[in-house]
Amino acid sequence: MSPAACIGCGCDDDHACEGGCSWLRIDRDEYVGVCSSCPQFEARWDAGERDLSEAAMDHMAELAAAEDLPEEPSLILPGDVTYVDTLRYLRSR
C-alpha cells in the first residue's frame, strides 16, 4: 500500500513531521490526509479539497530525491499508480 501524504506539509505514513504527528483526516483510497501539524487545512479538507499544497509537493519531491527512487518501478501494485504519477510529476518540475 502506498503511504498517504498530508495535503498541508507532505509528511506521510513513513515520514512523520519532526516531533511526530497523527492523522486528523485521512482518505486511504486517495492516499491523502491532514496531519495534526496542519490543522489549518481541516477546513479545506472538510470542503472536499484534496489538492496538495505547494509546500507538500516540495516536501514530497525532497523525500523522493533523498530516497533515490528508481525512474521506473519494477512492480506497480493496484493503488500505487497515483503515488508513482505524483512522484514523476514532482521530478519533472
PDB file of N, CA and C in Angstrom:
ATOM      1  N   MET A   1       0.840  -1.179   0.000  1.00  0.00           N
ATOM      2  CA  MET A   1       0.000   0.000   0.000  1.00  0.00           C
ATOM      3  C   MET A   1       0.886   1.244   0.000  1.00  0.00           C
ATOM      4  N   SER A   2       0.527   2.211  -0.796  1.00  0.00           N
ATOM      5  CA  SER A   2       1.250   3.482  -0.842  1.00  0.00           C
ATOM      6  C   SER A   2       0.915   4.296   0.395  1.00  0.00           C
ATOM      7  N   PRO A   3       1.885   5.076   0.882  1.00  0.00           N
ATOM      8  CA  PRO A   3       1.603   5.899   2.059  1.00  0.00           C
ATOM      9  C   PRO A   3       0.712   7.085   1.704  1.00  0.00           C
ATOM     10  N   ALA A   4      -0.119   7.467   2.648  1.00  0.00           N
ATOM     11  CA  ALA A   4      -0.928   8.672   2.489  1.00  0.00           C
ATOM     12  C   ALA A   4      -0.048   9.868   2.823  1.00  0.00           C
ATOM     13  N   ALA A   5      -0.255  10.975   2.106  1.00  0.00           N
ATOM     14  CA  ALA A   5       0.515  12.201   2.325  1.00  0.00           C
ATOM     15  C   ALA A   5      -0.403  13.308   2.816  1.00  0.00           C
ATOM     16  N   CYS A   6       0.121  14.146   3.693  1.00  0.00           N
ATOM     17  CA  CYS A   6      -0.631  15.291   4.203  1.00  0.00           C
ATOM     18  C   CYS A   6      -0.731  16.359   3.125  1.00  0.00           C
ATOM     19  N   ILE A   7      -1.926  16.882   2.895  1.00  0.00           N
ATOM     20  CA  ILE A   7      -2.110  17.921   1.883  1.00  0.00           C
ATOM     21  C   ILE A   7      -1.489  19.244   2.306  1.00  0.00           C
ATOM     22  N   GLY A   8      -1.174  19.388   3.584  1.00  0.00           N
ATOM     23  CA  GLY A   8      -0.592  20.628   4.083  1.00  0.00           C
ATOM     24  C   GLY A   8       0.917  20.659   4.007  1.00  0.00           C
ATOM     25  N   CYS A   9       1.557  19.631   4.568  1.00  0.00           N
ATOM     26  CA  CYS A   9       3.017  19.664   4.672  1.00  0.00           C
ATOM     27  C   CYS A   9       3.718  18.577   3.874  1.00  0.00           C
ATOM     28  N   GLY A  10       2.995  17.538   3.465  1.00  0.00           N
ATOM     29  CA  GLY A  10       3.607  16.478   2.673  1.00  0.00           C
ATOM     30  C   GLY A  10       4.184  15.337   3.486  1.00  0.00           C
ATOM     31  N   CYS A  11       4.070  15.375   4.807  1.00  0.00           N
ATOM     32  CA  CYS A  11       4.522  14.225   5.576  1.00  0.00           C
ATOM     33  C   CYS A  11       3.683  13.030   5.138  1.00  0.00           C
ATOM     34  N   ASP A  12       4.140  11.824   5.429  1.00  0.00           N
ATOM     35  CA  ASP A  12       3.358  10.656   5.049  1.00  0.00           C
ATOM     36  C   ASP A  12       3.472   9.574   6.105  1.00  0.00           C
ATOM     37  N   ASP A  13       2.849   8.445   5.833  1.00  0.00           N
ATOM     38  CA  ASP A  13       2.838   7.355   6.803  1.00  0.00           C
ATOM     39  C   ASP A  13       4.246   6.904   7.183  1.00  0.00           C
ATOM     40  N   ASP A  14       5.192   7.058   6.271  1.00  0.00           N
ATOM     41  CA  ASP A  14       6.557   6.610   6.510  1.00  0.00           C
ATOM     42  C   ASP A  14       7.501   7.722   6.970  1.00  0.00           C
ATOM     43  N   HIS A  15       7.055   8.983   6.876  1.00  0.00           N
ATOM     44  CA  HIS A  15       7.903  10.131   7.218  1.00  0.00           C
ATOM     45  C   HIS A  15       7.066  11.159   7.980  1.00  0.00           C
ATOM     46  N   ALA A  16       6.957  10.977   9.282  1.00  0.00           N
ATOM     47  CA  ALA A  16       6.162  11.885  10.113  1.00  0.00           C
ATOM     48  C   ALA A  16       6.850  13.243  10.251  1.00  0.00           C
ATOM     49  N   CYS A  17       6.091  14.226  10.668  1.00  0.00           N
ATOM     50  CA  CYS A  17       6.653  15.556  10.942  1.00  0.00           C
ATOM     51  C   CYS A  17       7.680  15.445  12.066  1.00  0.00           C
ATOM     52  N   GLU A  18       8.604  16.402  12.095  1.00  0.00           N
ATOM     53  CA  GLU A  18       9.572  16.435  13.182  1.00  0.00           C
ATOM     54  C   GLU A  18       8.816  16.568  14.497  1.00  0.00           C
ATOM     55  N   GLY A  19       9.109  15.730  15.433  1.00  0.00           N
ATOM     56  CA  GLY A  19       8.399  15.732  16.704  1.00  0.00           C
ATOM     57  C   GLY A  19       7.180  14.825  16.701  1.00  0.00           C
ATOM     58  N   GLY A  20       6.833  14.302  15.536  1.00  0.00           N
ATOM     59  CA  GLY A  20       5.706  13.373  15.422  1.00  0.00           C
ATOM     60  C   GLY A  20       4.401  14.061  15.057  1.00  0.00           C
ATOM     61  N   CYS A  21       3.512  13.306  14.462  1.00  0.00           N
ATOM     62  CA  CYS A  21       2.183  13.795  14.115  1.00  0.00           C
ATOM     63  C   CYS A  21       1.259  12.592  13.942  1.00  0.00           C
ATOM     64  N   SER A  22      -0.009  12.866  13.826  1.00  0.00           N
ATOM     65  CA  SER A  22      -1.006  11.818  13.598  1.00  0.00           C
ATOM     66  C   SER A  22      -2.040  12.363  12.618  1.00  0.00           C
ATOM     67  N   TRP A  23      -2.870  11.487  12.088  1.00  0.00           N
ATOM     68  CA  TRP A  23      -3.865  11.907  11.107  1.00  0.00           C
ATOM     69  C   TRP A  23      -5.094  12.508  11.779  1.00  0.00           C
ATOM     70  N   LEU A  24      -5.472  13.708  11.346  1.00  0.00           N
ATOM     71  CA  LEU A  24      -6.733  14.327  11.757  1.00  0.00           C
ATOM     72  C   LEU A  24      -7.831  13.910  10.790  1.00  0.00           C
ATOM     73  N   ARG A  25      -7.469  13.831   9.504  1.00  0.00           N
ATOM     74  CA  ARG A  25      -8.356  13.388   8.436  1.00  0.00           C
ATOM     75  C   ARG A  25      -7.524  12.469   7.547  1.00  0.00           C
ATOM     76  N   ILE A  26      -8.145  11.445   6.986  1.00  0.00           N
ATOM     77  CA  ILE A  26      -7.402  10.531   6.113  1.00  0.00           C
ATOM     78  C   ILE A  26      -8.349   9.889   5.106  1.00  0.00           C
ATOM     79  N   ASP A  27      -7.896   9.784   3.882  1.00  0.00           N
ATOM     80  CA  ASP A  27      -8.620   9.068   2.822  1.00  0.00           C
ATOM     81  C   ASP A  27      -7.635   8.064   2.236  1.00  0.00           C
ATOM     82  N   ARG A  28      -7.706   6.842   2.709  1.00  0.00           N
ATOM     83  CA  ARG A  28      -6.774   5.800   2.277  1.00  0.00           C
ATOM     84  C   ARG A  28      -6.948   5.460   0.794  1.00  0.00           C
ATOM     85  N   ASP A  29      -8.128   5.648   0.247  1.00  0.00           N
ATOM     86  CA  ASP A  29      -8.352   5.358  -1.179  1.00  0.00           C
ATOM     87  C   ASP A  29      -7.651   6.371  -2.074  1.00  0.00           C
ATOM     88  N   GLU A  30      -7.522   7.611  -1.606  1.00  0.00           N
ATOM     89  CA  GLU A  30      -6.896   8.668  -2.398  1.00  0.00           C
ATOM     90  C   GLU A  30      -5.457   8.949  -1.950  1.00  0.00           C
ATOM     91  N   TYR A  31      -5.012   8.299  -0.860  1.00  0.00           N
ATOM     92  CA  TYR A  31      -3.649   8.448  -0.348  1.00  0.00           C
ATOM     93  C   TYR A  31      -3.325   9.866   0.123  1.00  0.00           C
ATOM     94  N   VAL A  32      -4.300  10.543   0.691  1.00  0.00           N
ATOM     95  CA  VAL A  32      -4.080  11.896   1.217  1.00  0.00           C
ATOM     96  C   VAL A  32      -4.776  12.048   2.561  1.00  0.00           C
ATOM     97  N   GLY A  33      -4.352  13.057   3.315  1.00  0.00           N
ATOM     98  CA  GLY A  33      -4.961  13.336   4.603  1.00  0.00           C
ATOM     99  C   GLY A  33      -4.505  14.690   5.121  1.00  0.00           C
ATOM    100  N   VAL A  34      -4.857  14.968   6.353  1.00  0.00           N
ATOM    101  CA  VAL A  34      -4.413  16.172   7.060  1.00  0.00           C
ATOM    102  C   VAL A  34      -3.819  15.694   8.375  1.00  0.00           C
ATOM    103  N   CYS A  35      -2.563  16.072   8.627  1.00  0.00           N
ATOM    104  CA  CYS A  35      -1.913  15.634   9.860  1.00  0.00           C
ATOM    105  C   CYS A  35      -2.136  16.645  10.986  1.00  0.00           C
ATOM    106  N   SER A  36      -1.791  16.221  12.188  1.00  0.00           N
ATOM    107  CA  SER A  36      -2.005  17.059  13.368  1.00  0.00           C
ATOM    108  C   SER A  36      -1.127  18.307  13.383  1.00  0.00           C
ATOM    109  N   SER A  37      -0.106  18.374  12.547  1.00  0.00           N
ATOM    110  CA  SER A  37       0.719  19.577  12.439  1.00  0.00           C
ATOM    111  C   SER A  37       0.106  20.615  11.499  1.00  0.00           C
ATOM    112  N   CYS A  38      -0.958  20.226  10.797  1.00  0.00           N
ATOM    113  CA  CYS A  38      -1.572  21.120   9.797  1.00  0.00           C
ATOM    114  C   CYS A  38      -3.082  21.297  10.014  1.00  0.00           C
ATOM    115  N   PRO A  39      -3.524  21.621  11.238  1.00  0.00           N
ATOM    116  CA  PRO A  39      -4.963  21.753  11.468  1.00  0.00           C
ATOM    117  C   PRO A  39      -5.602  22.862  10.637  1.00  0.00           C
ATOM    118  N   GLN A  40      -4.791  23.815  10.156  1.00  0.00           N
ATOM    119  CA  GLN A  40      -5.324  24.886   9.323  1.00  0.00           C
ATOM    120  C   GLN A  40      -5.854  24.365   7.983  1.00  0.00           C
ATOM    121  N   PHE A  41      -5.538  23.117   7.623  1.00  0.00           N
ATOM    122  CA  PHE A  41      -6.019  22.527   6.375  1.00  0.00           C
ATOM    123  C   PHE A  41      -7.302  21.711   6.558  1.00  0.00           C
ATOM    124  N   GLU A  42      -7.784  21.588   7.790  1.00  0.00           N
ATOM    125  CA  GLU A  42      -9.008  20.818   8.034  1.00  0.00           C
ATOM    126  C   GLU A  42     -10.223  21.409   7.315  1.00  0.00           C
ATOM    127  N   ALA A  43     -10.347  22.733   7.309  1.00  0.00           N
ATOM    128  CA  ALA A  43     -11.497  23.362   6.647  1.00  0.00           C
ATOM    129  C   ALA A  43     -11.483  23.079   5.153  1.00  0.00           C
ATOM    130  N   ARG A  44     -10.303  23.158   4.520  1.00  0.00           N
ATOM    131  CA  ARG A  44     -10.189  22.814   3.091  1.00  0.00           C
ATOM    132  C   ARG A  44     -10.610  21.372   2.873  1.00  0.00           C
ATOM    133  N   TRP A  45     -10.116  20.480   3.717  1.00  0.00           N
ATOM    134  CA  TRP A  45     -10.442  19.059   3.620  1.00  0.00           C
ATOM    135  C   TRP A  45     -11.946  18.858   3.747  1.00  0.00           C
ATOM    136  N   ASP A  46     -12.524  19.457   4.772  1.00  0.00           N
ATOM    137  CA  ASP A  46     -13.957  19.291   5.016  1.00  0.00           C
ATOM    138  C   ASP A  46     -14.802  19.844   3.868  1.00  0.00           C
ATOM    139  N   ALA A  47     -14.247  20.805   3.124  1.00  0.00           N
ATOM    140  CA  ALA A  47     -14.939  21.368   1.965  1.00  0.00           C
ATOM    141  C   ALA A  47     -14.736  20.503   0.715  1.00  0.00           C
ATOM    142  N   GLY A  48     -13.973  19.417   0.859  1.00  0.00           N
ATOM    143  CA  GLY A  48     -13.783  18.486  -0.251  1.00  0.00           C
ATOM    144  C   GLY A  48     -12.513  18.682  -1.051  1.00  0.00           C
ATOM    145  N   GLU A  49     -11.678  19.626  -0.656  1.00  0.00           N
ATOM    146  CA  GLU A  49     -10.439  19.881  -1.395  1.00  0.00           C
ATOM    147  C   GLU A  49      -9.364  18.893  -0.954  1.00  0.00           C
ATOM    148  N   ARG A  50      -8.777  18.202  -1.922  1.00  0.00           N
ATOM    149  CA  ARG A  50      -7.752  17.192  -1.622  1.00  0.00           C
ATOM    150  C   ARG A  50      -6.425  17.489  -2.303  1.00  0.00           C
ATOM    151  N   ASP A  51      -6.310  18.663  -2.947  1.00  0.00           N
ATOM    152  CA  ASP A  51      -5.074  19.009  -3.645  1.00  0.00           C
ATOM    153  C   ASP A  51      -3.956  19.264  -2.652  1.00  0.00           C
ATOM    154  N   LEU A  52      -2.747  18.816  -3.011  1.00  0.00           N
ATOM    155  CA  LEU A  52      -1.580  19.052  -2.179  1.00  0.00           C
ATOM    156  C   LEU A  52      -1.168  20.509  -2.271  1.00  0.00           C
ATOM    157  N   SER A  53      -0.773  21.081  -1.137  1.00  0.00           N
ATOM    158  CA  SER A  53      -0.262  22.447  -1.138  1.00  0.00           C
ATOM    159  C   SER A  53       1.106  22.455  -1.812  1.00  0.00           C
ATOM    160  N   GLU A  54       1.583  23.641  -2.167  1.00  0.00           N
ATOM    161  CA  GLU A  54       2.911  23.775  -2.775  1.00  0.00           C
ATOM    162  C   GLU A  54       3.982  23.236  -1.821  1.00  0.00           C
ATOM    163  N   ALA A  55       3.830  23.523  -0.529  1.00  0.00           N
ATOM    164  CA  ALA A  55       4.796  23.032   0.465  1.00  0.00           C
ATOM    165  C   ALA A  55       4.790  21.509   0.519  1.00  0.00           C
ATOM    166  N   ALA A  56       3.613  20.899   0.427  1.00  0.00           N
ATOM    167  CA  ALA A  56       3.518  19.442   0.446  1.00  0.00           C
ATOM    168  C   ALA A  56       4.201  18.840  -0.776  1.00  0.00           C
ATOM    169  N   MET A  57       3.979  19.446  -1.937  1.00  0.00           N
ATOM    170  CA  MET A  57       4.609  18.937  -3.157  1.00  0.00           C
ATOM    171  C   MET A  57       6.123  19.064  -3.089  1.00  0.00           C
ATOM    172  N   ASP A  58       6.618  20.184  -2.557  1.00  0.00           N
ATOM    173  CA  ASP A  58       8.060  20.374  -2.409  1.00  0.00           C
ATOM    174  C   ASP A  58       8.646  19.337  -1.459  1.00  0.00           C
ATOM    175  N   HIS A  59       7.961  19.106  -0.342  1.00  0.00           N
ATOM    176  CA  HIS A  59       8.443  18.132   0.644  1.00  0.00           C
ATOM    177  C   HIS A  59       8.484  16.729   0.041  1.00  0.00           C
ATOM    178  N   MET A  60       7.451  16.357  -0.696  1.00  0.00           N
ATOM    179  CA  MET A  60       7.417  15.033  -1.325  1.00  0.00           C
ATOM    180  C   MET A  60       8.541  14.885  -2.345  1.00  0.00           C
ATOM    181  N   ALA A  61       8.840  15.958  -3.076  1.00  0.00           N
ATOM    182  CA  ALA A  61       9.943  15.913  -4.043  1.00  0.00           C
ATOM    183  C   ALA A  61      11.276  15.717  -3.328  1.00  0.00           C
ATOM    184  N   GLU A  62      11.449  16.404  -2.191  1.00  0.00           N
ATOM    185  CA  GLU A  62      12.672  16.241  -1.407  1.00  0.00           C
ATOM    186  C   GLU A  62      12.806  14.813  -0.897  1.00  0.00           C
ATOM    187  N   LEU A  63      11.709  14.240  -0.418  1.00  0.00           N
ATOM    188  CA  LEU A  63      11.747  12.863   0.061  1.00  0.00           C
ATOM    189  C   LEU A  63      12.096  11.902  -1.069  1.00  0.00           C
ATOM    190  N   ALA A  64      11.500  12.109  -2.227  1.00  0.00           N
ATOM    191  CA  ALA A  64      11.768  11.236  -3.373  1.00  0.00           C
ATOM    192  C   ALA A  64      13.235  11.324  -3.776  1.00  0.00           C
ATOM    193  N   ALA A  65      13.780  12.529  -3.791  1.00  0.00           N
ATOM    194  CA  ALA A  65      15.181  12.708  -4.163  1.00  0.00           C
ATOM    195  C   ALA A  65      16.106  12.070  -3.124  1.00  0.00           C
ATOM    196  N   ALA A  66      15.771  12.210  -1.857  1.00  0.00           N
ATOM    197  CA  ALA A  66      16.592  11.651  -0.786  1.00  0.00           C
ATOM    198  C   ALA A  66      16.590  10.129  -0.806  1.00  0.00           C
ATOM    199  N   GLU A  67      15.480   9.546  -1.227  1.00  0.00           N
ATOM    200  CA  GLU A  67      15.385   8.090  -1.259  1.00  0.00           C
ATOM    201  C   GLU A  67      15.928   7.515  -2.550  1.00  0.00           C
ATOM    202  N   ASP A  68      16.286   8.385  -3.505  1.00  0.00           N
ATOM    203  CA  ASP A  68      16.835   7.953  -4.780  1.00  0.00           C
ATOM    204  C   ASP A  68      15.986   6.844  -5.392  1.00  0.00           C
ATOM    205  N   LEU A  69      14.700   7.155  -5.586  1.00  0.00           N
ATOM    206  CA  LEU A  69      13.778   6.178  -6.139  1.00  0.00           C
ATOM    207  C   LEU A  69      14.122   5.877  -7.588  1.00  0.00           C
ATOM    208  N   PRO A  70      13.932   4.636  -8.029  1.00  0.00           N
ATOM    209  CA  PRO A  70      14.221   4.297  -9.422  1.00  0.00           C
ATOM    210  C   PRO A  70      13.276   5.042 -10.361  1.00  0.00           C
ATOM    211  N   GLU A  71      13.752   5.327 -11.573  1.00  0.00           N
ATOM    212  CA  GLU A  71      12.921   6.025 -12.553  1.00  0.00           C
ATOM    213  C   GLU A  71      11.668   5.228 -12.874  1.00  0.00           C
ATOM    214  N   GLU A  72      11.810   3.946 -13.075  1.00  0.00           N
ATOM    215  CA  GLU A  72      10.670   3.085 -13.386  1.00  0.00           C
ATOM    216  C   GLU A  72      10.561   2.011 -12.310  1.00  0.00           C
ATOM    217  N   PRO A  73       9.461   1.970 -11.604  1.00  0.00           N
ATOM    218  CA  PRO A  73       9.306   0.931 -10.587  1.00  0.00           C
ATOM    219  C   PRO A  73       9.214  -0.436 -11.255  1.00  0.00           C
ATOM    220  N   SER A  74       9.749  -1.441 -10.600  1.00  0.00           N
ATOM    221  CA  SER A  74       9.709  -2.780 -11.175  1.00  0.00           C
ATOM    222  C   SER A  74       8.351  -3.436 -10.965  1.00  0.00           C
ATOM    223  N   LEU A  75       7.602  -2.953 -10.002  1.00  0.00           N
ATOM    224  CA  LEU A  75       6.300  -3.535  -9.718  1.00  0.00           C
ATOM    225  C   LEU A  75       5.357  -2.425  -9.293  1.00  0.00           C
ATOM    226  N   ILE A  76       4.240  -2.321  -9.957  1.00  0.00           N
ATOM    227  CA  ILE A  76       3.212  -1.352  -9.572  1.00  0.00           C
ATOM    228  C   ILE A  76       2.002  -2.143  -9.119  1.00  0.00           C
ATOM    229  N   LEU A  77       1.657  -1.983  -7.878  1.00  0.00           N
ATOM    230  CA  LEU A  77       0.502  -2.667  -7.313  1.00  0.00           C
ATOM    231  C   LEU A  77      -0.738  -1.807  -7.488  1.00  0.00           C
ATOM    232  N   PRO A  78      -1.918  -2.416  -7.480  1.00  0.00           N
ATOM    233  CA  PRO A  78      -3.136  -1.607  -7.579  1.00  0.00           C
ATOM    234  C   PRO A  78      -3.132  -0.531  -6.498  1.00  0.00           C
ATOM    235  N   GLY A  79      -3.432   0.671  -6.902  1.00  0.00           N
ATOM    236  CA  GLY A  79      -3.451   1.784  -5.966  1.00  0.00           C
ATOM    237  C   GLY A  79      -2.165   2.580  -5.940  1.00  0.00           C
ATOM    238  N   ASP A  80      -1.075   2.031  -6.441  1.00  0.00           N
ATOM    239  CA  ASP A  80       0.205   2.729  -6.423  1.00  0.00           C
ATOM    240  C   ASP A  80       0.355   3.729  -7.559  1.00  0.00           C
ATOM    241  N   VAL A  81      -0.459   3.635  -8.569  1.00  0.00           N
ATOM    242  CA  VAL A  81      -0.301   4.472  -9.749  1.00  0.00           C
ATOM    243  C   VAL A  81      -0.372   5.947  -9.405  1.00  0.00           C
ATOM    244  N   THR A  82      -1.290   6.361  -8.561  1.00  0.00           N
ATOM    245  CA  THR A  82      -1.410   7.765  -8.190  1.00  0.00           C
ATOM    246  C   THR A  82      -0.126   8.260  -7.538  1.00  0.00           C
ATOM    247  N   TYR A  83       0.432   7.492  -6.634  1.00  0.00           N
ATOM    248  CA  TYR A  83       1.653   7.876  -5.933  1.00  0.00           C
ATOM    249  C   TYR A  83       2.820   7.985  -6.911  1.00  0.00           C
ATOM    250  N   VAL A  84       2.964   6.994  -7.784  1.00  0.00           N
ATOM    251  CA  VAL A  84       4.051   6.987  -8.753  1.00  0.00           C
ATOM    252  C   VAL A  84       3.912   8.160  -9.720  1.00  0.00           C
ATOM    253  N   ASP A  85       2.699   8.422 -10.212  1.00  0.00           N
ATOM    254  CA  ASP A  85       2.482   9.549 -11.116  1.00  0.00           C
ATOM    255  C   ASP A  85       2.800  10.870 -10.428  1.00  0.00           C
ATOM    256  N   THR A  86       2.469  10.992  -9.156  1.00  0.00           N
ATOM    257  CA  THR A  86       2.784  12.210  -8.411  1.00  0.00           C
ATOM    258  C   THR A  86       4.291  12.398  -8.317  1.00  0.00           C
ATOM    259  N   LEU A  87       5.015  11.330  -8.022  1.00  0.00           N
ATOM    260  CA  LEU A  87       6.475  11.436  -7.944  1.00  0.00           C
ATOM    261  C   LEU A  87       7.069  11.802  -9.300  1.00  0.00           C
ATOM    262  N   ARG A  88       6.564  11.227 -10.369  1.00  0.00           N
ATOM    263  CA  ARG A  88       7.075  11.574 -11.709  1.00  0.00           C
ATOM    264  C   ARG A  88       6.821  13.052 -11.998  1.00  0.00           C
ATOM    265  N   TYR A  89       5.634  13.533 -11.650  1.00  0.00           N
ATOM    266  CA  TYR A  89       5.318  14.950 -11.861  1.00  0.00           C
ATOM    267  C   TYR A  89       6.281  15.833 -11.082  1.00  0.00           C
ATOM    268  N   LEU A  90       6.507  15.499  -9.818  1.00  0.00           N
ATOM    269  CA  LEU A  90       7.383  16.309  -8.990  1.00  0.00           C
ATOM    270  C   LEU A  90       8.807  16.307  -9.513  1.00  0.00           C
ATOM    271  N   ARG A  91       9.270  15.157 -10.015  1.00  0.00           N
ATOM    272  CA  ARG A  91      10.613  15.086 -10.563  1.00  0.00           C
ATOM    273  C   ARG A  91      10.756  15.938 -11.820  1.00  0.00           C
ATOM    274  N   SER A  92       9.698  16.082 -12.575  1.00  0.00           N
ATOM    275  CA  SER A  92       9.756  16.812 -13.837  1.00  0.00           C
ATOM    276  C   SER A  92       9.779  18.320 -13.645  1.00  0.00           C
ATOM    277  N   ARG A  93       9.490  18.789 -12.436  1.00  0.00           N
ATOM    278  CA  ARG A  93       9.418  20.234 -12.170  1.00  0.00           C
ATOM    279  C   ARG A  93      10.768  20.869 -12.160  1.00  0.00           C
TER     280      ARG A  93
END
